[in-house]
Amino acid sequence: MTQNRPVALSLLGFAVALAAVGLALSLSAEDERRVEVLPQPVAQMAQPSPERHTVMVEVVRIGERGDTVIAGRADPMADIQVELTGTAIGTVLADSRGEWVFVPTAPIPEGLQVLTLADRAGGPPSRVLTVISSHHGQPARTILVPPNDRLRVLSGSSRQDFAALALERTPTGSVTIAGRAEPGKGVQAWFGKGLAGRTQADPDGDWRLDLANSAEPLVRVETVDAKGKSQVRLDLPVPPPGQIGAPQSITVQGSLGWRVAFPDGRIIDVVDASAAR
């Protein structure tokens, strides 16, 4: 009996090991079954969710005659109100994943329009500024004004080598400028004689500069070559902070633009300042 004890213990250890392997395989198979029934890929589920009651606009497509498609994310099953320059034009319900698509029943009119999207349960609005030209064939200028971030140009003129399409003054006084340039082109801004910021146009030709507060009434933006030498420049007026009012016309570089002042103190100049190399 004593001599067989090590053998018995060995057999018992082997049996325990087999049971552990079987349990691990069973759990692995169960995990695989759980993964298979997920409603969407894990990579999509890992995407950051919007803040509660915040409507995020991710895609805006506007045709030459104002036909529009807007899509984005919100709370799951959120009821979203859509307004066009202060007039309600419809609602859209987000699905169980928080995704939504809105197609207005009528084209967006020419000129400057402000699309406002907000969760009817409360929360800050997202806005899309659009400028549709009366000359069909020119792309609509589309500017996204999210509630918790600086403005972003979604589409705009592509006929010029260098263009500034939007300028924002925030309630705190900081300034954002966005536009188009040759992909990879260096862009920099000056307040007076002080360099305020540098950036580079992305592969799509979009660029954005987020600048600190300044009391200067003008900002100069320019392209630079590989050695940092100035090439073409644009001078843009900067609105003083704190203005609140209705949209009004302004003149920038001899071209007609628009200024939109929102109740929260954000001021957006939609401009068409451009220059060729």
C-alpha atoms as a PDB file:
ATOM      1  CA  MET A   1       0.000   0.000   0.000  1.00  0.00           C
ATOM      2  CA  THR A   2       2.767   2.407   0.929  1.00  0.00           C
ATOM      3  CA  GLN A   3       4.652   1.737  -2.300  1.00  0.00           C
ATOM      4  CA  ASN A   4       1.559   2.427  -4.421  1.00  0.00           C
ATOM      5  CA  ARG A   5       0.806   5.768  -2.757  1.00  0.00           C
ATOM      6  CA  PRO A   6       3.076   7.881  -5.085  1.00  0.00           C
ATOM      7  CA  VAL A   7       1.478   6.250  -8.104  1.00  0.00           C
ATOM      8  CA  ALA A   8      -1.994   6.970  -6.779  1.00  0.00           C
ATOM      9  CA  LEU A   9      -1.067  10.562  -6.085  1.00  0.00           C
ATOM     10  CA  SER A  10       0.391  10.928  -9.573  1.00  0.00           C
ATOM     11  CA  LEU A  11      -2.776   9.521 -11.130  1.00  0.00           C
ATOM     12  CA  LEU A  12      -4.887  11.848  -8.991  1.00  0.00           C
ATOM     13  CA  GLY A  13      -2.763  14.874 -10.057  1.00  0.00           C
ATOM     14  CA  PHE A  14      -3.069  13.863 -13.706  1.00  0.00           C
ATOM     15  CA  ALA A  15      -6.846  13.586 -13.381  1.00  0.00           C
ATOM     16  CA  VAL A  16      -7.054  17.025 -11.791  1.00  0.00           C
ATOM     17  CA  ALA A  17      -4.938  18.495 -14.606  1.00  0.00           C
ATOM     18  CA  LEU A  18      -7.202  16.903 -17.232  1.00  0.00           C
ATOM     19  CA  ALA A  19     -10.257  18.312 -15.488  1.00  0.00           C
ATOM     20  CA  ALA A  20      -8.676  21.793 -15.432  1.00  0.00           C
ATOM     21  CA  VAL A  21      -7.863  21.623 -19.157  1.00  0.00           C
ATOM     22  CA  GLY A  22     -11.405  20.493 -19.913  1.00  0.00           C
ATOM     23  CA  LEU A  23     -12.852  23.355 -17.864  1.00  0.00           C
ATOM     24  CA  ALA A  24     -10.587  25.887 -19.608  1.00  0.00           C
ATOM     25  CA  LEU A  25     -11.641  24.588 -23.029  1.00  0.00           C
ATOM     26  CA  SER A  26     -15.280  24.723 -21.988  1.00  0.00           C
ATOM     27  CA  LEU A  27     -14.928  28.338 -20.812  1.00  0.00           C
ATOM     28  CA  SER A  28     -13.063  29.253 -23.982  1.00  0.00           C
ATOM     29  CA  ALA A  29     -15.840  27.787 -26.099  1.00  0.00           C
ATOM     30  CA  GLU A  30     -18.421  29.657 -24.008  1.00  0.00           C
ATOM     31  CA  ASP A  31     -16.484  32.912 -24.479  1.00  0.00           C
ATOM     32  CA  GLU A  32     -16.404  32.319 -28.233  1.00  0.00           C
ATOM     33  CA  ARG A  33     -20.162  31.806 -28.256  1.00  0.00           C
ATOM     34  CA  ARG A  34     -20.603  35.049 -26.352  1.00  0.00           C
ATOM     35  CA  VAL A  35     -18.454  36.960 -28.830  1.00  0.00           C
ATOM     36  CA  GLU A  36     -20.426  35.563 -31.760  1.00  0.00           C
ATOM     37  CA  VAL A  37     -23.716  36.999 -30.519  1.00  0.00           C
ATOM     38  CA  LEU A  38     -22.417  40.560 -30.039  1.00  0.00           C
ATOM     39  CA  PRO A  39     -24.603  42.936 -32.114  1.00  0.00           C
ATOM     40  CA  GLN A  40     -21.576  44.787 -33.544  1.00  0.00           C
ATOM     41  CA  PRO A  41     -17.782  44.369 -33.771  1.00  0.00           C
ATOM     42  CA  VAL A  42     -15.768  45.008 -30.616  1.00  0.00           C
ATOM     43  CA  ALA A  43     -13.846  47.813 -32.363  1.00  0.00           C
ATOM     44  CA  GLN A  44     -17.092  49.735 -32.888  1.00  0.00           C
ATOM     45  CA  MET A  45     -18.188  49.241 -29.288  1.00  0.00           C
ATOM     46  CA  ALA A  46     -14.873  50.703 -28.107  1.00  0.00           C
ATOM     47  CA  GLN A  47     -15.624  54.057 -29.749  1.00  0.00           C
ATOM     48  CA  PRO A  48     -16.131  56.894 -27.235  1.00  0.00           C
ATOM     49  CA  SER A  49     -19.761  57.667 -26.498  1.00  0.00           C
ATOM     50  CA  PRO A  50     -21.087  61.216 -26.614  1.00  0.00           C
ATOM     51  CA  GLU A  51     -21.673  63.017 -23.361  1.00  0.00           C
ATOM     52  CA  ARG A  52     -25.183  62.521 -22.062  1.00  0.00           C
ATOM     53  CA  HIS A  53     -27.800  64.388 -24.109  1.00  0.00           C
ATOM     54  CA  THR A  54     -25.144  65.686 -26.542  1.00  0.00           C
ATOM     55  CA  VAL A  55     -25.891  65.293 -30.252  1.00  0.00           C
ATOM     56  CA  MET A  56     -22.696  64.661 -32.219  1.00  0.00           C
ATOM     57  CA  VAL A  57     -22.709  65.487 -35.945  1.00  0.00           C
ATOM     58  CA  GLU A  58     -20.215  63.356 -37.887  1.00  0.00           C
ATOM     59  CA  VAL A  59     -21.293  63.548 -41.552  1.00  0.00           C
ATOM     60  CA  VAL A  60     -22.859  66.384 -43.546  1.00  0.00           C
ATOM     61  CA  ARG A  61     -23.422  66.038 -47.299  1.00  0.00           C
ATOM     62  CA  ILE A  62     -24.937  68.984 -49.189  1.00  0.00           C
ATOM     63  CA  GLY A  63     -25.472  68.877 -52.947  1.00  0.00           C
ATOM     64  CA  GLU A  64     -25.204  71.801 -55.334  1.00  0.00           C
ATOM     65  CA  ARG A  65     -28.934  72.517 -55.029  1.00  0.00           C
ATOM     66  CA  GLY A  66     -29.194  72.075 -51.271  1.00  0.00           C
ATOM     67  CA  ASP A  67     -30.136  68.390 -51.023  1.00  0.00           C
ATOM     68  CA  THR A  68     -28.784  67.363 -47.633  1.00  0.00           C
ATOM     69  CA  VAL A  69     -27.943  64.289 -45.552  1.00  0.00           C
ATOM     70  CA  ILE A  70     -26.770  64.636 -41.920  1.00  0.00           C
ATOM     71  CA  ALA A  71     -25.669  61.759 -39.677  1.00  0.00           C
ATOM     72  CA  GLY A  72     -24.077  61.288 -36.270  1.00  0.00           C
ATOM     73  CA  ARG A  73     -24.441  59.844 -32.768  1.00  0.00           C
ATOM     74  CA  ALA A  74     -26.389  60.621 -29.614  1.00  0.00           C
ATOM     75  CA  ASP A  75     -27.864  58.792 -26.635  1.00  0.00           C
ATOM     76  CA  PRO A  76     -29.527  55.496 -27.639  1.00  0.00           C
ATOM     77  CA  MET A  77     -33.140  56.184 -28.667  1.00  0.00           C
ATOM     78  CA  ALA A  78     -32.613  59.948 -28.293  1.00  0.00           C
ATOM     79  CA  ASP A  79     -35.336  62.162 -29.775  1.00  0.00           C
ATOM     80  CA  ILE A  80     -33.476  64.859 -31.732  1.00  0.00           C
ATOM     81  CA  GLN A  81     -34.994  68.182 -32.763  1.00  0.00           C
ATOM     82  CA  VAL A  82     -33.648  69.769 -35.971  1.00  0.00           C
ATOM     83  CA  GLU A  83     -34.033  73.491 -36.699  1.00  0.00           C
ATOM     84  CA  LEU A  84     -33.022  75.541 -39.726  1.00  0.00           C
ATOM     85  CA  THR A  85     -32.152  79.132 -38.790  1.00  0.00           C
ATOM     86  CA  GLY A  86     -34.638  79.109 -35.909  1.00  0.00           C
ATOM     87  CA  THR A  87     -37.456  77.138 -37.616  1.00  0.00           C
ATOM     88  CA  ALA A  88     -38.153  73.494 -36.743  1.00  0.00           C
ATOM     89  CA  ILE A  89     -37.846  71.267 -39.821  1.00  0.00           C
ATOM     90  CA  GLY A  90     -38.210  67.835 -38.249  1.00  0.00           C
ATOM     91  CA  THR A  91     -37.096  65.287 -35.701  1.00  0.00           C
ATOM     92  CA  VAL A  92     -35.092  62.081 -35.874  1.00  0.00           C
ATOM     93  CA  LEU A  93     -34.869  59.159 -33.447  1.00  0.00           C
ATOM     94  CA  ALA A  94     -31.471  57.613 -32.714  1.00  0.00           C
ATOM     95  CA  ASP A  95     -31.364  53.823 -32.832  1.00  0.00           C
ATOM     96  CA  SER A  96     -30.400  51.458 -30.001  1.00  0.00           C
ATOM     97  CA  ARG A  97     -26.692  52.127 -30.703  1.00  0.00           C
ATOM     98  CA  GLY A  98     -27.197  55.901 -30.683  1.00  0.00           C
ATOM     99  CA  GLU A  99     -26.741  56.290 -34.454  1.00  0.00           C
ATOM    100  CA  TRP A 100     -29.029  58.558 -36.466  1.00  0.00           C
ATOM    101  CA  VAL A 101     -29.470  59.892 -40.023  1.00  0.00           C
ATOM    102  CA  PHE A 102     -31.574  62.931 -40.951  1.00  0.00           C
ATOM    103  CA  VAL A 103     -32.650  63.918 -44.487  1.00  0.00           C
ATOM    104  CA  PRO A 104     -34.589  67.220 -44.701  1.00  0.00           C
ATOM    105  CA  THR A 105     -37.735  67.046 -46.802  1.00  0.00           C
ATOM    106  CA  ALA A 106     -36.787  70.281 -48.613  1.00  0.00           C
ATOM    107  CA  PRO A 107     -33.404  71.505 -49.916  1.00  0.00           C
ATOM    108  CA  ILE A 108     -31.364  73.900 -47.776  1.00  0.00           C
ATOM    109  CA  PRO A 109     -31.865  77.437 -49.196  1.00  0.00           C
ATOM    110  CA  GLU A 110     -29.046  79.494 -50.701  1.00  0.00           C
ATOM    111  CA  GLY A 111     -26.986  81.855 -48.565  1.00  0.00           C
ATOM    112  CA  LEU A 112     -26.065  81.375 -44.922  1.00  0.00           C
ATOM    113  CA  GLN A 113     -28.181  78.927 -42.932  1.00  0.00           C
ATOM    114  CA  VAL A 114     -27.732  77.543 -39.408  1.00  0.00           C
ATOM    115  CA  LEU A 115     -28.768  73.945 -38.725  1.00  0.00           C
ATOM    116  CA  THR A 116     -29.251  73.299 -35.001  1.00  0.00           C
ATOM    117  CA  LEU A 117     -29.572  69.761 -33.601  1.00  0.00           C
ATOM    118  CA  ALA A 118     -30.385  69.103 -29.957  1.00  0.00           C
ATOM    119  CA  ASP A 119     -31.650  66.251 -27.784  1.00  0.00           C
ATOM    120  CA  ARG A 120     -35.197  67.092 -26.709  1.00  0.00           C
ATOM    121  CA  ALA A 121     -34.355  65.667 -23.278  1.00  0.00           C
ATOM    122  CA  GLY A 122     -31.956  68.586 -22.785  1.00  0.00           C
ATOM    123  CA  GLY A 123     -28.288  69.158 -23.484  1.00  0.00           C
ATOM    124  CA  PRO A 124     -26.176  71.604 -25.513  1.00  0.00           C
ATOM    125  CA  PRO A 125     -26.953  71.988 -29.230  1.00  0.00           C
ATOM    126  CA  SER A 126     -24.646  71.131 -32.104  1.00  0.00           C
ATOM    127  CA  ARG A 127     -24.730  73.532 -35.028  1.00  0.00           C
ATOM    128  CA  VAL A 128     -23.817  73.303 -38.703  1.00  0.00           C
ATOM    129  CA  LEU A 129     -23.296  76.543 -40.622  1.00  0.00           C
ATOM    130  CA  THR A 130     -23.877  76.196 -44.349  1.00  0.00           C
ATOM    131  CA  VAL A 131     -23.324  78.641 -47.192  1.00  0.00           C
ATOM    132  CA  ILE A 132     -24.766  77.590 -50.543  1.00  0.00           C
ATOM    133  CA  SER A 133     -23.799  79.748 -53.505  1.00  0.00           C
ATOM    134  CA  SER A 134     -26.296  80.936 -56.095  1.00  0.00           C
ATOM    135  CA  HIS A 135     -23.743  79.813 -58.692  1.00  0.00           C
ATOM    136  CA  HIS A 136     -24.444  76.096 -58.989  1.00  0.00           C
ATOM    137  CA  GLY A 137     -21.338  74.007 -59.409  1.00  0.00           C
ATOM    138  CA  GLN A 138     -19.520  75.611 -56.491  1.00  0.00           C
ATOM    139  CA  PRO A 139     -19.241  73.406 -53.392  1.00  0.00           C
ATOM    140  CA  ALA A 140     -21.243  74.403 -50.333  1.00  0.00           C
ATOM    141  CA  ARG A 141     -19.228  75.673 -47.408  1.00  0.00           C
ATOM    142  CA  THR A 142     -20.071  73.584 -44.352  1.00  0.00           C
ATOM    143  CA  ILE A 143     -18.781  74.427 -40.870  1.00  0.00           C
ATOM    144  CA  LEU A 144     -19.414  72.293 -37.789  1.00  0.00           C
ATOM    145  CA  VAL A 145     -19.775  74.105 -34.448  1.00  0.00           C
ATOM    146  CA  PRO A 146     -19.858  71.343 -31.779  1.00  0.00           C
ATOM    147  CA  PRO A 147     -20.950  72.293 -28.254  1.00  0.00           C
ATOM    148  CA  ASN A 148     -17.708  71.371 -26.467  1.00  0.00           C
ATOM    149  CA  ASP A 149     -15.029  71.922 -29.118  1.00  0.00           C
ATOM    150  CA  ARG A 150     -13.688  74.472 -31.584  1.00  0.00           C
ATOM    151  CA  LEU A 151     -15.228  74.848 -35.030  1.00  0.00           C
ATOM    152  CA  ARG A 152     -14.261  72.504 -37.866  1.00  0.00           C
ATOM    153  CA  VAL A 153     -14.603  73.033 -41.632  1.00  0.00           C
ATOM    154  CA  LEU A 154     -16.274  70.008 -43.215  1.00  0.00           C
ATOM    155  CA  SER A 155     -16.344  71.270 -46.805  1.00  0.00           C
ATOM    156  CA  GLY A 156     -15.482  74.400 -48.717  1.00  0.00           C
ATOM    157  CA  SER A 157     -14.003  75.946 -51.808  1.00  0.00           C
ATOM    158  CA  SER A 158     -11.327  73.837 -53.474  1.00  0.00           C
ATOM    159  CA  ARG A 159     -10.489  76.150 -56.372  1.00  0.00           C
ATOM    160  CA  GLN A 160      -7.889  78.236 -54.607  1.00  0.00           C
ATOM    161  CA  ASP A 161      -4.447  77.248 -53.389  1.00  0.00           C
ATOM    162  CA  PHE A 162      -5.018  78.907 -49.995  1.00  0.00           C
ATOM    163  CA  ALA A 163      -8.271  79.912 -48.316  1.00  0.00           C
ATOM    164  CA  ALA A 164      -9.574  80.892 -44.886  1.00  0.00           C
ATOM    165  CA  LEU A 165     -13.193  79.775 -44.560  1.00  0.00           C
ATOM    166  CA  ALA A 166     -14.124  80.356 -40.923  1.00  0.00           C
ATOM    167  CA  LEU A 167     -12.953  82.275 -37.863  1.00  0.00           C
ATOM    168  CA  GLU A 168     -14.292  81.904 -34.330  1.00  0.00           C
ATOM    169  CA  ARG A 169     -13.925  84.052 -31.233  1.00  0.00           C
ATOM    170  CA  THR A 170     -14.863  82.094 -28.112  1.00  0.00           C
ATOM    171  CA  PRO A 171     -16.378  83.635 -24.956  1.00  0.00           C
ATOM    172  CA  THR A 172     -12.942  83.385 -23.288  1.00  0.00           C
ATOM    173  CA  GLY A 173     -11.344  85.393 -26.099  1.00  0.00           C
ATOM    174  CA  SER A 174      -9.386  82.636 -27.851  1.00  0.00           C
ATOM    175  CA  VAL A 175      -9.480  82.461 -31.650  1.00  0.00           C
ATOM    176  CA  THR A 176      -9.803  79.572 -34.092  1.00  0.00           C
ATOM    177  CA  ILE A 177      -9.205  79.871 -37.836  1.00  0.00           C
ATOM    178  CA  ALA A 178      -9.855  77.074 -40.323  1.00  0.00           C
ATOM    179  CA  GLY A 179      -9.491  76.740 -44.063  1.00  0.00           C
ATOM    180  CA  ARG A 180      -8.008  74.905 -47.023  1.00  0.00           C
ATOM    181  CA  ALA A 181      -4.530  74.743 -48.540  1.00  0.00           C
ATOM    182  CA  GLU A 182      -2.333  72.429 -50.555  1.00  0.00           C
ATOM    183  CA  PRO A 183      -1.977  69.131 -48.602  1.00  0.00           C
ATOM    184  CA  GLY A 184       1.105  69.259 -46.394  1.00  0.00           C
ATOM    185  CA  LYS A 185       1.488  73.028 -46.775  1.00  0.00           C
ATOM    186  CA  GLY A 186       2.673  74.922 -43.704  1.00  0.00           C
ATOM    187  CA  VAL A 187       0.304  77.597 -42.369  1.00  0.00           C
ATOM    188  CA  GLN A 188       1.023  80.137 -39.631  1.00  0.00           C
ATOM    189  CA  ALA A 189      -0.751  83.060 -37.961  1.00  0.00           C
ATOM    190  CA  TRP A 190       0.427  86.377 -36.551  1.00  0.00           C
ATOM    191  CA  PHE A 191      -1.091  88.898 -34.147  1.00  0.00           C
ATOM    192  CA  GLY A 192       0.774  92.089 -34.986  1.00  0.00           C
ATOM    193  CA  LYS A 193       4.479  91.176 -34.984  1.00  0.00           C
ATOM    194  CA  GLY A 194       4.017  88.148 -32.729  1.00  0.00           C
ATOM    195  CA  LEU A 195       3.801  84.624 -34.120  1.00  0.00           C
ATOM    196  CA  ALA A 196       0.555  83.151 -32.738  1.00  0.00           C
ATOM    197  CA  GLY A 197       0.614  79.605 -34.075  1.00  0.00           C
ATOM    198  CA  ARG A 198       1.739  77.142 -36.737  1.00  0.00           C
ATOM    199  CA  THR A 199       0.120  74.113 -38.347  1.00  0.00           C
ATOM    200  CA  GLN A 200       0.163  72.024 -41.502  1.00  0.00           C
ATOM    201  CA  ALA A 201      -2.644  71.183 -43.927  1.00  0.00           C
ATOM    202  CA  ASP A 202      -3.691  67.550 -43.604  1.00  0.00           C
ATOM    203  CA  PRO A 203      -3.807  65.070 -46.537  1.00  0.00           C
ATOM    204  CA  ASP A 204      -7.271  66.404 -47.462  1.00  0.00           C
ATOM    205  CA  GLY A 205      -5.992  69.993 -47.514  1.00  0.00           C
ATOM    206  CA  ASP A 206      -7.772  71.045 -44.301  1.00  0.00           C
ATOM    207  CA  TRP A 207      -5.991  73.158 -41.684  1.00  0.00           C
ATOM    208  CA  ARG A 208      -6.989  74.667 -38.337  1.00  0.00           C
ATOM    209  CA  LEU A 209      -5.199  77.018 -35.959  1.00  0.00           C
ATOM    210  CA  ASP A 210      -6.264  77.347 -32.304  1.00  0.00           C
ATOM    211  CA  LEU A 211      -4.841  80.621 -31.008  1.00  0.00           C
ATOM    212  CA  ALA A 212      -4.682  82.158 -27.547  1.00  0.00           C
ATOM    213  CA  ASN A 213      -6.492  85.327 -26.508  1.00  0.00           C
ATOM    214  CA  SER A 214      -5.371  88.589 -28.103  1.00  0.00           C
ATOM    215  CA  ALA A 215      -6.718  92.117 -28.210  1.00  0.00           C
ATOM    216  CA  GLU A 216      -5.421  92.618 -31.780  1.00  0.00           C
ATOM    217  CA  PRO A 217      -8.242  93.541 -34.207  1.00  0.00           C
ATOM    218  CA  LEU A 218      -6.557  91.707 -37.110  1.00  0.00           C
ATOM    219  CA  VAL A 219      -4.912  88.319 -37.558  1.00  0.00           C
ATOM    220  CA  ARG A 220      -2.614  87.506 -40.461  1.00  0.00           C
ATOM    221  CA  VAL A 221      -2.548  83.958 -41.803  1.00  0.00           C
ATOM    222  CA  GLU A 222      -0.040  82.861 -44.402  1.00  0.00           C
ATOM    223  CA  THR A 223       1.453  79.842 -46.087  1.00  0.00           C
ATOM    224  CA  VAL A 224       5.164  79.116 -45.712  1.00  0.00           C
ATOM    225  CA  ASP A 225       7.606  77.035 -47.733  1.00  0.00           C
ATOM    226  CA  ALA A 226       9.775  74.205 -46.404  1.00  0.00           C
ATOM    227  CA  LYS A 227      12.287  76.741 -45.052  1.00  0.00           C
ATOM    228  CA  GLY A 228       9.617  78.762 -43.232  1.00  0.00           C
ATOM    229  CA  LYS A 229       9.598  81.623 -45.739  1.00  0.00           C
ATOM    230  CA  SER A 230       6.289  83.470 -46.113  1.00  0.00           C
ATOM    231  CA  GLN A 231       4.467  82.909 -49.408  1.00  0.00           C
ATOM    232  CA  VAL A 232       0.861  84.187 -49.566  1.00  0.00           C
ATOM    233  CA  ARG A 233      -1.011  85.958 -46.798  1.00  0.00           C
ATOM    234  CA  LEU A 234      -4.517  86.923 -45.767  1.00  0.00           C
ATOM    235  CA  ASP A 235      -5.510  89.577 -43.218  1.00  0.00           C
ATOM    236  CA  LEU A 236      -8.726  88.833 -41.316  1.00  0.00           C
ATOM    237  CA  PRO A 237     -10.636  91.061 -38.876  1.00  0.00           C
ATOM    238  CA  VAL A 238     -11.145  89.502 -35.438  1.00  0.00           C
ATOM    239  CA  PRO A 239     -14.477  90.238 -33.711  1.00  0.00           C
ATOM    240  CA  PRO A 240     -14.234  91.517 -30.129  1.00  0.00           C
ATOM    241  CA  PRO A 241     -15.310  88.927 -27.541  1.00  0.00           C
ATOM    242  CA  GLY A 242     -18.677  89.000 -25.840  1.00  0.00           C
ATOM    243  CA  GLN A 243     -20.868  90.239 -28.705  1.00  0.00           C
ATOM    244  CA  ILE A 244     -24.336  88.713 -28.771  1.00  0.00           C
ATOM    245  CA  GLY A 245     -26.819  89.357 -31.548  1.00  0.00           C
ATOM    246  CA  ALA A 246     -28.409  88.247 -34.792  1.00  0.00           C
ATOM    247  CA  PRO A 247     -26.465  87.298 -37.937  1.00  0.00           C
ATOM    248  CA  GLN A 248     -25.161  90.328 -39.797  1.00  0.00           C
ATOM    249  CA  SER A 249     -23.197  90.973 -42.982  1.00  0.00           C
ATOM    250  CA  ILE A 250     -19.508  91.829 -42.842  1.00  0.00           C
ATOM    251  CA  THR A 251     -16.921  92.520 -45.512  1.00  0.00           C
ATOM    252  CA  VAL A 252     -13.701  90.506 -45.599  1.00  0.00           C
ATOM    253  CA  GLN A 253     -11.053  91.047 -48.280  1.00  0.00           C
ATOM    254  CA  GLY A 254     -13.690  92.591 -50.504  1.00  0.00           C
ATOM    255  CA  SER A 255     -15.839  89.422 -50.367  1.00  0.00           C
ATOM    256  CA  LEU A 256     -19.188  89.195 -48.622  1.00  0.00           C
ATOM    257  CA  GLY A 257     -19.177  87.114 -45.472  1.00  0.00           C
ATOM    258  CA  TRP A 258     -21.398  86.541 -42.471  1.00  0.00           C
ATOM    259  CA  ARG A 259     -21.036  86.904 -38.735  1.00  0.00           C
ATOM    260  CA  VAL A 260     -23.139  84.724 -36.458  1.00  0.00           C
ATOM    261  CA  ALA A 261     -23.262  85.522 -32.731  1.00  0.00           C
ATOM    262  CA  PHE A 262     -24.782  82.823 -30.514  1.00  0.00           C
ATOM    263  CA  PRO A 263     -26.373  83.293 -27.074  1.00  0.00           C
ATOM    264  CA  ASP A 264     -23.484  81.457 -25.394  1.00  0.00           C
ATOM    265  CA  GLY A 265     -21.049  84.149 -26.601  1.00  0.00           C
ATOM    266  CA  ARG A 266     -19.477  82.227 -29.490  1.00  0.00           C
ATOM    267  CA  ILE A 267     -18.961  84.378 -32.582  1.00  0.00           C
ATOM    268  CA  ILE A 268     -18.359  82.745 -35.970  1.00  0.00           C
ATOM    269  CA  ASP A 269     -17.266  84.612 -39.090  1.00  0.00           C
ATOM    270  CA  VAL A 270     -18.010  82.605 -42.215  1.00  0.00           C
ATOM    271  CA  VAL A 271     -15.587  84.078 -44.708  1.00  0.00           C
ATOM    272  CA  ASP A 272     -14.371  83.467 -48.236  1.00  0.00           C
ATOM    273  CA  ALA A 273     -10.912  84.956 -48.119  1.00  0.00           C
ATOM    274  CA  SER A 274      -8.654  83.273 -50.630  1.00  0.00           C
ATOM    275  CA  ALA A 275      -5.460  83.776 -52.579  1.00  0.00           C
ATOM    276  CA  ALA A 276      -3.545  81.881 -55.245  1.00  0.00           C
ATOM    277  CA  ARG A 277       0.173  81.254 -55.099  1.00  0.00           C
END
